[in-house]
Amino acid sequence: MTGEEVRVLVYHQADDASSLRAAYREVSLALGDVPGLLGNELLESVVDPTGFVVASRWADLDAFSRWEQGPDHRRSTASLRPYRDPRLAHPFGVYRVTRTYPASLVR
């Protein structure tokens, strides 16, 4: 299905936040021209100093799937792979955006 934006969340764990931040920057630079990638963010847990999430925005599921199944996926994300959170059975999730509300409507 196309047309709906997709969010991909990849969960990481690191005792050394600076090394994870450096790996995130490296991966982000490598992904700068990937078709359909709208952007990404590094989120740091406020309750677990070792917990991190890389959240990426994709134009649609097809764009994400093409990149994920393509030849550059593993190479371009290799520096973050050692930080995948081993505490989780599934260290990532792919979510379709089905509803959004502007802040002015929820006040």
PDB file of N, CA and C in Angstrom:
ATOM      1  N   MET A   1       0.850  -1.185   0.000  1.00  0.00           N
ATOM      2  CA  MET A   1       0.000   0.000   0.000  1.00  0.00           C
ATOM      3  C   MET A   1       0.887   1.237   0.000  1.00  0.00           C
ATOM      4  N   THR A   2       0.588   2.184  -0.845  1.00  0.00           N
ATOM      5  CA  THR A   2       1.372   3.407  -0.915  1.00  0.00           C
ATOM      6  C   THR A   2       0.530   4.579  -0.449  1.00  0.00           C
ATOM      7  N   GLY A   3       1.183   5.705  -0.303  1.00  0.00           N
ATOM      8  CA  GLY A   3       0.468   6.921   0.020  1.00  0.00           C
ATOM      9  C   GLY A   3       0.491   7.317   1.476  1.00  0.00           C
ATOM     10  N   GLU A   4       0.619   6.367   2.394  1.00  0.00           N
ATOM     11  CA  GLU A   4       0.663   6.698   3.819  1.00  0.00           C
ATOM     12  C   GLU A   4       2.112   6.739   4.269  1.00  0.00           C
ATOM     13  N   GLU A   5       2.471   7.814   4.992  1.00  0.00           N
ATOM     14  CA  GLU A   5       3.818   7.876   5.535  1.00  0.00           C
ATOM     15  C   GLU A   5       4.052   6.722   6.491  1.00  0.00           C
ATOM     16  N   VAL A   6       5.311   6.358   6.636  1.00  0.00           N
ATOM     17  CA  VAL A   6       5.719   5.264   7.502  1.00  0.00           C
ATOM     18  C   VAL A   6       6.781   5.782   8.464  1.00  0.00           C
ATOM     19  N   ARG A   7       6.723   5.295   9.704  1.00  0.00           N
ATOM     20  CA  ARG A   7       7.755   5.571  10.693  1.00  0.00           C
ATOM     21  C   ARG A   7       8.437   4.254  11.019  1.00  0.00           C
ATOM     22  N   VAL A   8       9.751   4.286  11.058  1.00  0.00           N
ATOM     23  CA  VAL A   8      10.524   3.113  11.434  1.00  0.00           C
ATOM     24  C   VAL A   8      11.286   3.472  12.709  1.00  0.00           C
ATOM     25  N   LEU A   9      11.096   2.652  13.739  1.00  0.00           N
ATOM     26  CA  LEU A   9      11.757   2.859  15.022  1.00  0.00           C
ATOM     27  C   LEU A   9      12.732   1.713  15.237  1.00  0.00           C
ATOM     28  N   VAL A  10      13.996   2.038  15.471  1.00  0.00           N
ATOM     29  CA  VAL A  10      15.014   1.031  15.730  1.00  0.00           C
ATOM     30  C   VAL A  10      15.582   1.307  17.122  1.00  0.00           C
ATOM     31  N   TYR A  11      15.468   0.316  17.992  1.00  0.00           N
ATOM     32  CA  TYR A  11      15.838   0.460  19.395  1.00  0.00           C
ATOM     33  C   TYR A  11      17.292   0.061  19.607  1.00  0.00           C
ATOM     34  N   HIS A  12      18.016   0.915  20.349  1.00  0.00           N
ATOM     35  CA  HIS A  12      19.435   0.690  20.594  1.00  0.00           C
ATOM     36  C   HIS A  12      19.731   0.792  22.081  1.00  0.00           C
ATOM     37  N   GLN A  13      20.876   0.218  22.457  1.00  0.00           N
ATOM     38  CA  GLN A  13      21.369   0.315  23.827  1.00  0.00           C
ATOM     39  C   GLN A  13      22.865   0.583  23.750  1.00  0.00           C
ATOM     40  N   ALA A  14      23.328   1.540  24.564  1.00  0.00           N
ATOM     41  CA  ALA A  14      24.757   1.845  24.577  1.00  0.00           C
ATOM     42  C   ALA A  14      25.144   2.435  25.921  1.00  0.00           C
ATOM     43  N   ASP A  15      26.228   1.931  26.471  1.00  0.00           N
ATOM     44  CA  ASP A  15      26.781   2.521  27.688  1.00  0.00           C
ATOM     45  C   ASP A  15      27.547   3.796  27.349  1.00  0.00           C
ATOM     46  N   ASP A  16      28.087   3.856  26.144  1.00  0.00           N
ATOM     47  CA  ASP A  16      28.847   5.016  25.689  1.00  0.00           C
ATOM     48  C   ASP A  16      28.005   5.795  24.678  1.00  0.00           C
ATOM     49  N   ALA A  17      27.302   6.801  25.175  1.00  0.00           N
ATOM     50  CA  ALA A  17      26.401   7.574  24.311  1.00  0.00           C
ATOM     51  C   ALA A  17      27.143   8.276  23.191  1.00  0.00           C
ATOM     52  N   SER A  18      28.360   8.740  23.450  1.00  0.00           N
ATOM     53  CA  SER A  18      29.084   9.483  22.411  1.00  0.00           C
ATOM     54  C   SER A  18      29.416   8.598  21.218  1.00  0.00           C
ATOM     55  N   SER A  19      29.742   7.326  21.449  1.00  0.00           N
ATOM     56  CA  SER A  19      30.036   6.448  20.308  1.00  0.00           C
ATOM     57  C   SER A  19      28.770   6.149  19.514  1.00  0.00           C
ATOM     58  N   LEU A  20      27.648   5.984  20.191  1.00  0.00           N
ATOM     59  CA  LEU A  20      26.386   5.759  19.478  1.00  0.00           C
ATOM     60  C   LEU A  20      26.011   7.010  18.679  1.00  0.00           C
ATOM     61  N   ARG A  21      26.182   8.186  19.258  1.00  0.00           N
ATOM     62  CA  ARG A  21      25.880   9.429  18.534  1.00  0.00           C
ATOM     63  C   ARG A  21      26.751   9.565  17.282  1.00  0.00           C
ATOM     64  N   ALA A  22      28.015   9.180  17.391  1.00  0.00           N
ATOM     65  CA  ALA A  22      28.908   9.235  16.231  1.00  0.00           C
ATOM     66  C   ALA A  22      28.451   8.261  15.147  1.00  0.00           C
ATOM     67  N   ALA A  23      28.048   7.062  15.547  1.00  0.00           N
ATOM     68  CA  ALA A  23      27.550   6.082  14.580  1.00  0.00           C
ATOM     69  C   ALA A  23      26.270   6.578  13.926  1.00  0.00           C
ATOM     70  N   TYR A  24      25.386   7.186  14.712  1.00  0.00           N
ATOM     71  CA  TYR A  24      24.141   7.746  14.168  1.00  0.00           C
ATOM     72  C   TYR A  24      24.450   8.811  13.118  1.00  0.00           C
ATOM     73  N   ARG A  25      25.391   9.691  13.422  1.00  0.00           N
ATOM     74  CA  ARG A  25      25.753  10.750  12.470  1.00  0.00           C
ATOM     75  C   ARG A  25      26.297  10.138  11.172  1.00  0.00           C
ATOM     76  N   GLU A  26      27.152   9.139  11.300  1.00  0.00           N
ATOM     77  CA  GLU A  26      27.717   8.465  10.131  1.00  0.00           C
ATOM     78  C   GLU A  26      26.625   7.848   9.258  1.00  0.00           C
ATOM     79  N   VAL A  27      25.699   7.151   9.884  1.00  0.00           N
ATOM     80  CA  VAL A  27      24.602   6.529   9.141  1.00  0.00           C
ATOM     81  C   VAL A  27      23.721   7.599   8.503  1.00  0.00           C
ATOM     82  N   SER A  28      23.420   8.655   9.229  1.00  0.00           N
ATOM     83  CA  SER A  28      22.566   9.717   8.688  1.00  0.00           C
ATOM     84  C   SER A  28      23.184  10.347   7.450  1.00  0.00           C
ATOM     85  N   LEU A  29      24.492  10.580   7.486  1.00  0.00           N
ATOM     86  CA  LEU A  29      25.170  11.142   6.313  1.00  0.00           C
ATOM     87  C   LEU A  29      25.120  10.174   5.134  1.00  0.00           C
ATOM     88  N   ALA A  30      25.260   8.885   5.407  1.00  0.00           N
ATOM     89  CA  ALA A  30      25.209   7.875   4.339  1.00  0.00           C
ATOM     90  C   ALA A  30      23.828   7.785   3.705  1.00  0.00           C
ATOM     91  N   LEU A  31      22.784   8.121   4.471  1.00  0.00           N
ATOM     92  CA  LEU A  31      21.414   7.992   3.973  1.00  0.00           C
ATOM     93  C   LEU A  31      20.870   9.287   3.379  1.00  0.00           C
ATOM     94  N   GLY A  32      21.706  10.276   3.255  1.00  0.00           N
ATOM     95  CA  GLY A  32      21.258  11.596   2.833  1.00  0.00           C
ATOM     96  C   GLY A  32      20.502  11.679   1.520  1.00  0.00           C
ATOM     97  N   ASP A  33      20.748  10.763   0.602  1.00  0.00           N
ATOM     98  CA  ASP A  33      20.090  10.852  -0.711  1.00  0.00           C
ATOM     99  C   ASP A  33      19.207   9.645  -1.021  1.00  0.00           C
ATOM    100  N   VAL A  34      18.754   8.953   0.007  1.00  0.00           N
ATOM    101  CA  VAL A  34      17.893   7.777  -0.202  1.00  0.00           C
ATOM    102  C   VAL A  34      16.496   8.236  -0.622  1.00  0.00           C
ATOM    103  N   PRO A  35      15.999   7.803  -1.772  1.00  0.00           N
ATOM    104  CA  PRO A  35      14.663   8.202  -2.211  1.00  0.00           C
ATOM    105  C   PRO A  35      13.585   7.763  -1.222  1.00  0.00           C
ATOM    106  N   GLY A  36      12.716   8.690  -0.877  1.00  0.00           N
ATOM    107  CA  GLY A  36      11.605   8.385   0.012  1.00  0.00           C
ATOM    108  C   GLY A  36      11.886   8.604   1.482  1.00  0.00           C
ATOM    109  N   LEU A  37      13.154   8.739   1.866  1.00  0.00           N
ATOM    110  CA  LEU A  37      13.484   9.008   3.262  1.00  0.00           C
ATOM    111  C   LEU A  37      13.270  10.498   3.520  1.00  0.00           C
ATOM    112  N   LEU A  38      12.358  10.806   4.431  1.00  0.00           N
ATOM    113  CA  LEU A  38      12.005  12.200   4.719  1.00  0.00           C
ATOM    114  C   LEU A  38      12.820  12.790   5.852  1.00  0.00           C
ATOM    115  N   GLY A  39      13.487  11.947   6.631  1.00  0.00           N
ATOM    116  CA  GLY A  39      14.320  12.422   7.725  1.00  0.00           C
ATOM    117  C   GLY A  39      14.405  11.390   8.827  1.00  0.00           C
ATOM    118  N   ASN A  40      15.280  11.652   9.788  1.00  0.00           N
ATOM    119  CA  ASN A  40      15.396  10.760  10.941  1.00  0.00           C
ATOM    120  C   ASN A  40      15.826  11.547  12.158  1.00  0.00           C
ATOM    121  N   GLU A  41      15.625  10.931  13.315  1.00  0.00           N
ATOM    122  CA  GLU A  41      15.970  11.557  14.588  1.00  0.00           C
ATOM    123  C   GLU A  41      16.593  10.520  15.511  1.00  0.00           C
ATOM    124  N   LEU A  42      17.498  10.974  16.356  1.00  0.00           N
ATOM    125  CA  LEU A  42      18.018  10.133  17.424  1.00  0.00           C
ATOM    126  C   LEU A  42      17.324  10.559  18.706  1.00  0.00           C
ATOM    127  N   LEU A  43      16.627   9.631  19.327  1.00  0.00           N
ATOM    128  CA  LEU A  43      15.913   9.893  20.572  1.00  0.00           C
ATOM    129  C   LEU A  43      16.679   9.225  21.705  1.00  0.00           C
ATOM    130  N   GLU A  44      16.850   9.959  22.807  1.00  0.00           N
ATOM    131  CA  GLU A  44      17.551   9.419  23.968  1.00  0.00           C
ATOM    132  C   GLU A  44      16.571   9.321  25.125  1.00  0.00           C
ATOM    133  N   SER A  45      16.521   8.180  25.766  1.00  0.00           N
ATOM    134  CA  SER A  45      15.583   7.928  26.857  1.00  0.00           C
ATOM    135  C   SER A  45      15.852   8.872  28.032  1.00  0.00           C
ATOM    136  N   VAL A  46      14.776   9.336  28.639  1.00  0.00           N
ATOM    137  CA  VAL A  46      14.915  10.164  29.839  1.00  0.00           C
ATOM    138  C   VAL A  46      14.885   9.320  31.108  1.00  0.00           C
ATOM    139  N   VAL A  47      14.557   8.032  30.996  1.00  0.00           N
ATOM    140  CA  VAL A  47      14.521   7.163  32.175  1.00  0.00           C
ATOM    141  C   VAL A  47      15.616   6.095  32.155  1.00  0.00           C
ATOM    142  N   ASP A  48      16.187   5.803  31.008  1.00  0.00           N
ATOM    143  CA  ASP A  48      17.234   4.794  30.882  1.00  0.00           C
ATOM    144  C   ASP A  48      18.399   5.420  30.121  1.00  0.00           C
ATOM    145  N   PRO A  49      19.492   5.776  30.801  1.00  0.00           N
ATOM    146  CA  PRO A  49      20.595   6.458  30.126  1.00  0.00           C
ATOM    147  C   PRO A  49      21.271   5.619  29.039  1.00  0.00           C
ATOM    148  N   THR A  50      20.958   4.323  28.960  1.00  0.00           N
ATOM    149  CA  THR A  50      21.532   3.478  27.907  1.00  0.00           C
ATOM    150  C   THR A  50      20.558   3.250  26.753  1.00  0.00           C
ATOM    151  N   GLY A  51      19.350   3.809  26.840  1.00  0.00           N
ATOM    152  CA  GLY A  51      18.320   3.552  25.838  1.00  0.00           C
ATOM    153  C   GLY A  51      18.225   4.640  24.777  1.00  0.00           C
ATOM    154  N   PHE A  52      18.175   4.221  23.519  1.00  0.00           N
ATOM    155  CA  PHE A  52      18.110   5.130  22.381  1.00  0.00           C
ATOM    156  C   PHE A  52      17.159   4.562  21.328  1.00  0.00           C
ATOM    157  N   VAL A  53      16.597   5.447  20.523  1.00  0.00           N
ATOM    158  CA  VAL A  53      15.762   5.040  19.394  1.00  0.00           C
ATOM    159  C   VAL A  53      16.153   5.906  18.197  1.00  0.00           C
ATOM    160  N   VAL A  54      16.341   5.266  17.068  1.00  0.00           N
ATOM    161  CA  VAL A  54      16.468   6.004  15.817  1.00  0.00           C
ATOM    162  C   VAL A  54      15.106   5.915  15.145  1.00  0.00           C
ATOM    163  N   ALA A  55      14.490   7.067  14.958  1.00  0.00           N
ATOM    164  CA  ALA A  55      13.165   7.149  14.340  1.00  0.00           C
ATOM    165  C   ALA A  55      13.321   7.781  12.963  1.00  0.00           C
ATOM    166  N   SER A  56      12.884   7.072  11.943  1.00  0.00           N
ATOM    167  CA  SER A  56      12.967   7.626  10.590  1.00  0.00           C
ATOM    168  C   SER A  56      11.571   7.771   9.997  1.00  0.00           C
ATOM    169  N   ARG A  57      11.438   8.773   9.128  1.00  0.00           N
ATOM    170  CA  ARG A  57      10.183   9.044   8.438  1.00  0.00           C
ATOM    171  C   ARG A  57      10.371   8.704   6.968  1.00  0.00           C
ATOM    172  N   TRP A  58       9.404   7.956   6.434  1.00  0.00           N
ATOM    173  CA  TRP A  58       9.456   7.538   5.033  1.00  0.00           C
ATOM    174  C   TRP A  58       8.194   7.992   4.319  1.00  0.00           C
ATOM    175  N   ALA A  59       8.317   8.299   3.041  1.00  0.00           N
ATOM    176  CA  ALA A  59       7.180   8.767   2.242  1.00  0.00           C
ATOM    177  C   ALA A  59       6.071   7.726   2.222  1.00  0.00           C
ATOM    178  N   ASP A  60       6.444   6.460   2.157  1.00  0.00           N
ATOM    179  CA  ASP A  60       5.457   5.374   2.168  1.00  0.00           C
ATOM    180  C   ASP A  60       6.172   4.048   2.373  1.00  0.00           C
ATOM    181  N   LEU A  61       5.405   3.001   2.561  1.00  0.00           N
ATOM    182  CA  LEU A  61       5.970   1.682   2.823  1.00  0.00           C
ATOM    183  C   LEU A  61       6.771   1.169   1.635  1.00  0.00           C
ATOM    184  N   ASP A  62       6.343   1.481   0.435  1.00  0.00           N
ATOM    185  CA  ASP A  62       7.084   1.029  -0.748  1.00  0.00           C
ATOM    186  C   ASP A  62       8.498   1.602  -0.767  1.00  0.00           C
ATOM    187  N   ALA A  63       8.639   2.888  -0.447  1.00  0.00           N
ATOM    188  CA  ALA A  63       9.964   3.521  -0.437  1.00  0.00           C
ATOM    189  C   ALA A  63      10.858   2.857   0.600  1.00  0.00           C
ATOM    190  N   PHE A  64      10.326   2.647   1.797  1.00  0.00           N
ATOM    191  CA  PHE A  64      11.116   1.984   2.834  1.00  0.00           C
ATOM    192  C   PHE A  64      11.491   0.573   2.402  1.00  0.00           C
ATOM    193  N   SER A  65      10.548  -0.181   1.883  1.00  0.00           N
ATOM    194  CA  SER A  65      10.807  -1.572   1.474  1.00  0.00           C
ATOM    195  C   SER A  65      11.857  -1.657   0.377  1.00  0.00           C
ATOM    196  N   ARG A  66      11.789  -0.750  -0.604  1.00  0.00           N
ATOM    197  CA  ARG A  66      12.797  -0.745  -1.675  1.00  0.00           C
ATOM    198  C   ARG A  66      14.192  -0.542  -1.092  1.00  0.00           C
ATOM    199  N   TRP A  67      14.317   0.419  -0.162  1.00  0.00           N
ATOM    200  CA  TRP A  67      15.621   0.673   0.445  1.00  0.00           C
ATOM    201  C   TRP A  67      16.056  -0.510   1.317  1.00  0.00           C
ATOM    202  N   GLU A  68      15.159  -1.034   2.136  1.00  0.00           N
ATOM    203  CA  GLU A  68      15.503  -2.115   3.057  1.00  0.00           C
ATOM    204  C   GLU A  68      15.949  -3.368   2.306  1.00  0.00           C
ATOM    205  N   GLN A  69      15.342  -3.634   1.158  1.00  0.00           N
ATOM    206  CA  GLN A  69      15.679  -4.820   0.383  1.00  0.00           C
ATOM    207  C   GLN A  69      16.798  -4.576  -0.618  1.00  0.00           C
ATOM    208  N   GLY A  70      17.244  -3.327  -0.707  1.00  0.00           N
ATOM    209  CA  GLY A  70      18.272  -2.968  -1.668  1.00  0.00           C
ATOM    210  C   GLY A  70      19.683  -3.300  -1.196  1.00  0.00           C
ATOM    211  N   PRO A  71      20.636  -3.148  -2.103  1.00  0.00           N
ATOM    212  CA  PRO A  71      22.016  -3.546  -1.814  1.00  0.00           C
ATOM    213  C   PRO A  71      22.737  -2.646  -0.813  1.00  0.00           C
ATOM    214  N   ASP A  72      22.273  -1.430  -0.586  1.00  0.00           N
ATOM    215  CA  ASP A  72      22.993  -0.503   0.285  1.00  0.00           C
ATOM    216  C   ASP A  72      22.524  -0.514   1.736  1.00  0.00           C
ATOM    217  N   HIS A  73      21.396  -1.153   2.011  1.00  0.00           N
ATOM    218  CA  HIS A  73      20.811  -1.115   3.355  1.00  0.00           C
ATOM    219  C   HIS A  73      21.792  -1.550   4.442  1.00  0.00           C
ATOM    220  N   ARG A  74      22.306  -2.741   4.346  1.00  0.00           N
ATOM    221  CA  ARG A  74      23.182  -3.276   5.400  1.00  0.00           C
ATOM    222  C   ARG A  74      24.489  -2.494   5.496  1.00  0.00           C
ATOM    223  N   ARG A  75      25.063  -2.142   4.365  1.00  0.00           N
ATOM    224  CA  ARG A  75      26.326  -1.412   4.376  1.00  0.00           C
ATOM    225  C   ARG A  75      26.163  -0.039   5.016  1.00  0.00           C
ATOM    226  N   SER A  76      25.115   0.663   4.645  1.00  0.00           N
ATOM    227  CA  SER A  76      24.957   2.047   5.122  1.00  0.00           C
ATOM    228  C   SER A  76      24.551   2.139   6.586  1.00  0.00           C
ATOM    229  N   THR A  77      24.021   1.073   7.164  1.00  0.00           N
ATOM    230  CA  THR A  77      23.609   1.106   8.573  1.00  0.00           C
ATOM    231  C   THR A  77      24.529   0.275   9.469  1.00  0.00           C
ATOM    232  N   ALA A  78      25.614  -0.239   8.929  1.00  0.00           N
ATOM    233  CA  ALA A  78      26.486  -1.164   9.657  1.00  0.00           C
ATOM    234  C   ALA A  78      27.029  -0.579  10.959  1.00  0.00           C
ATOM    235  N   SER A  79      27.357   0.693  10.985  1.00  0.00           N
ATOM    236  CA  SER A  79      27.978   1.246  12.197  1.00  0.00           C
ATOM    237  C   SER A  79      27.015   1.329  13.374  1.00  0.00           C
ATOM    238  N   LEU A  80      25.702   1.306  13.136  1.00  0.00           N
ATOM    239  CA  LEU A  80      24.727   1.314  14.231  1.00  0.00           C
ATOM    240  C   LEU A  80      24.331  -0.093  14.683  1.00  0.00           C
ATOM    241  N   ARG A  81      24.552  -1.075  13.848  1.00  0.00           N
ATOM    242  CA  ARG A  81      24.080  -2.427  14.148  1.00  0.00           C
ATOM    243  C   ARG A  81      24.596  -2.988  15.477  1.00  0.00           C
ATOM    244  N   PRO A  82      25.851  -2.731  15.886  1.00  0.00           N
ATOM    245  CA  PRO A  82      26.309  -3.274  17.176  1.00  0.00           C
ATOM    246  C   PRO A  82      25.546  -2.722  18.384  1.00  0.00           C
ATOM    247  N   TYR A  83      24.819  -1.647  18.190  1.00  0.00           N
ATOM    248  CA  TYR A  83      24.087  -1.025  19.296  1.00  0.00           C
ATOM    249  C   TYR A  83      22.631  -1.486  19.391  1.00  0.00           C
ATOM    250  N   ARG A  84      22.183  -2.368  18.521  1.00  0.00           N
ATOM    251  CA  ARG A  84      20.798  -2.850  18.610  1.00  0.00           C
ATOM    252  C   ARG A  84      20.532  -3.349  20.015  1.00  0.00           C
ATOM    253  N   ASP A  85      19.373  -3.061  20.529  1.00  0.00           N
ATOM    254  CA  ASP A  85      19.054  -3.390  21.922  1.00  0.00           C
ATOM    255  C   ASP A  85      18.831  -4.890  22.077  1.00  0.00           C
ATOM    256  N   PRO A  86      19.754  -5.603  22.746  1.00  0.00           N
ATOM    257  CA  PRO A  86      19.628  -7.053  22.882  1.00  0.00           C
ATOM    258  C   PRO A  86      18.550  -7.475  23.882  1.00  0.00           C
ATOM    259  N   ARG A  87      17.991  -6.509  24.609  1.00  0.00           N
ATOM    260  CA  ARG A  87      16.954  -6.832  25.594  1.00  0.00           C
ATOM    261  C   ARG A  87      15.608  -7.085  24.931  1.00  0.00           C
ATOM    262  N   LEU A  88      15.489  -6.739  23.654  1.00  0.00           N
ATOM    263  CA  LEU A  88      14.208  -6.836  22.954  1.00  0.00           C
ATOM    264  C   LEU A  88      14.205  -7.982  21.947  1.00  0.00           C
ATOM    265  N   ALA A  89      13.104  -8.694  21.887  1.00  0.00           N
ATOM    266  CA  ALA A  89      12.967  -9.765  20.892  1.00  0.00           C
ATOM    267  C   ALA A  89      12.961  -9.186  19.478  1.00  0.00           C
ATOM    268  N   HIS A  90      12.351  -8.020  19.307  1.00  0.00           N
ATOM    269  CA  HIS A  90      12.295  -7.330  18.012  1.00  0.00           C
ATOM    270  C   HIS A  90      12.833  -5.920  18.223  1.00  0.00           C
ATOM    271  N   PRO A  91      14.076  -5.655  17.816  1.00  0.00           N
ATOM    272  CA  PRO A  91      14.673  -4.343  18.081  1.00  0.00           C
ATOM    273  C   PRO A  91      14.249  -3.253  17.102  1.00  0.00           C
ATOM    274  N   PHE A  92      13.189  -3.494  16.353  1.00  0.00           N
ATOM    275  CA  PHE A  92      12.707  -2.444  15.451  1.00  0.00           C
ATOM    276  C   PHE A  92      11.209  -2.626  15.221  1.00  0.00           C
ATOM    277  N   GLY A  93      10.593  -1.563  14.737  1.00  0.00           N
ATOM    278  CA  GLY A  93       9.182  -1.617  14.383  1.00  0.00           C
ATOM    279  C   GLY A  93       8.922  -0.712  13.191  1.00  0.00           C
ATOM    280  N   VAL A  94       7.987  -1.106  12.353  1.00  0.00           N
ATOM    281  CA  VAL A  94       7.587  -0.313  11.185  1.00  0.00           C
ATOM    282  C   VAL A  94       6.114   0.003  11.366  1.00  0.00           C
ATOM    283  N   TYR A  95       5.793   1.302  11.337  1.00  0.00           N
ATOM    284  CA  TYR A  95       4.440   1.764  11.629  1.00  0.00           C
ATOM    285  C   TYR A  95       3.929   2.665  10.524  1.00  0.00           C
ATOM    286  N   ARG A  96       2.714   2.423  10.098  1.00  0.00           N
ATOM    287  CA  ARG A  96       2.044   3.242   9.088  1.00  0.00           C
ATOM    288  C   ARG A  96       1.324   4.377   9.815  1.00  0.00           C
ATOM    289  N   VAL A  97       1.467   5.588   9.314  1.00  0.00           N
ATOM    290  CA  VAL A  97       0.751   6.743   9.880  1.00  0.00           C
ATOM    291  C   VAL A  97      -0.675   6.702   9.351  1.00  0.00           C
ATOM    292  N   THR A  98      -1.634   6.494  10.231  1.00  0.00           N
ATOM    293  CA  THR A  98      -3.028   6.397   9.802  1.00  0.00           C
ATOM    294  C   THR A  98      -3.858   7.577  10.260  1.00  0.00           C
ATOM    295  N   ARG A  99      -3.409   8.289  11.265  1.00  0.00           N
ATOM    296  CA  ARG A  99      -4.130   9.475  11.735  1.00  0.00           C
ATOM    297  C   ARG A  99      -3.128  10.499  12.250  1.00  0.00           C
ATOM    298  N   THR A 100      -3.390  11.753  11.986  1.00  0.00           N
ATOM    299  CA  THR A 100      -2.599  12.831  12.559  1.00  0.00           C
ATOM    300  C   THR A 100      -3.551  13.965  12.957  1.00  0.00           C
ATOM    301  N   TYR A 101      -3.179  14.654  13.975  1.00  0.00           N
ATOM    302  CA  TYR A 101      -3.968  15.795  14.431  1.00  0.00           C
ATOM    303  C   TYR A 101      -3.039  16.949  14.712  1.00  0.00           C
ATOM    304  N   PRO A 102      -3.330  18.115  14.173  1.00  0.00           N
ATOM    305  CA  PRO A 102      -2.491  19.281  14.504  1.00  0.00           C
ATOM    306  C   PRO A 102      -2.721  19.660  15.974  1.00  0.00           C
ATOM    307  N   ALA A 103      -1.701  20.217  16.583  1.00  0.00           N
ATOM    308  CA  ALA A 103      -1.765  20.573  18.000  1.00  0.00           C
ATOM    309  C   ALA A 103      -2.952  21.487  18.290  1.00  0.00           C
ATOM    310  N   SER A 104      -3.323  22.325  17.342  1.00  0.00           N
ATOM    311  CA  SER A 104      -4.435  23.251  17.585  1.00  0.00           C
ATOM    312  C   SER A 104      -5.774  22.531  17.804  1.00  0.00           C
ATOM    313  N   LEU A 105      -5.906  21.289  17.322  1.00  0.00           N
ATOM    314  CA  LEU A 105      -7.151  20.542  17.495  1.00  0.00           C
ATOM    315  C   LEU A 105      -7.213  19.786  18.814  1.00  0.00           C
ATOM    316  N   VAL A 106      -6.075  19.547  19.423  1.00  0.00           N
ATOM    317  CA  VAL A 106      -6.074  18.740  20.635  1.00  0.00           C
ATOM    318  C   VAL A 106      -5.933  19.568  21.905  1.00  0.00           C
ATOM    319  N   ARG A 107      -5.979  20.864  21.773  1.00  0.00           N
ATOM    320  CA  ARG A 107      -5.864  21.731  22.948  1.00  0.00           C
ATOM    321  C   ARG A 107      -7.192  21.890  23.623  1.00  0.00           C
TER     322      ARG A 107
END
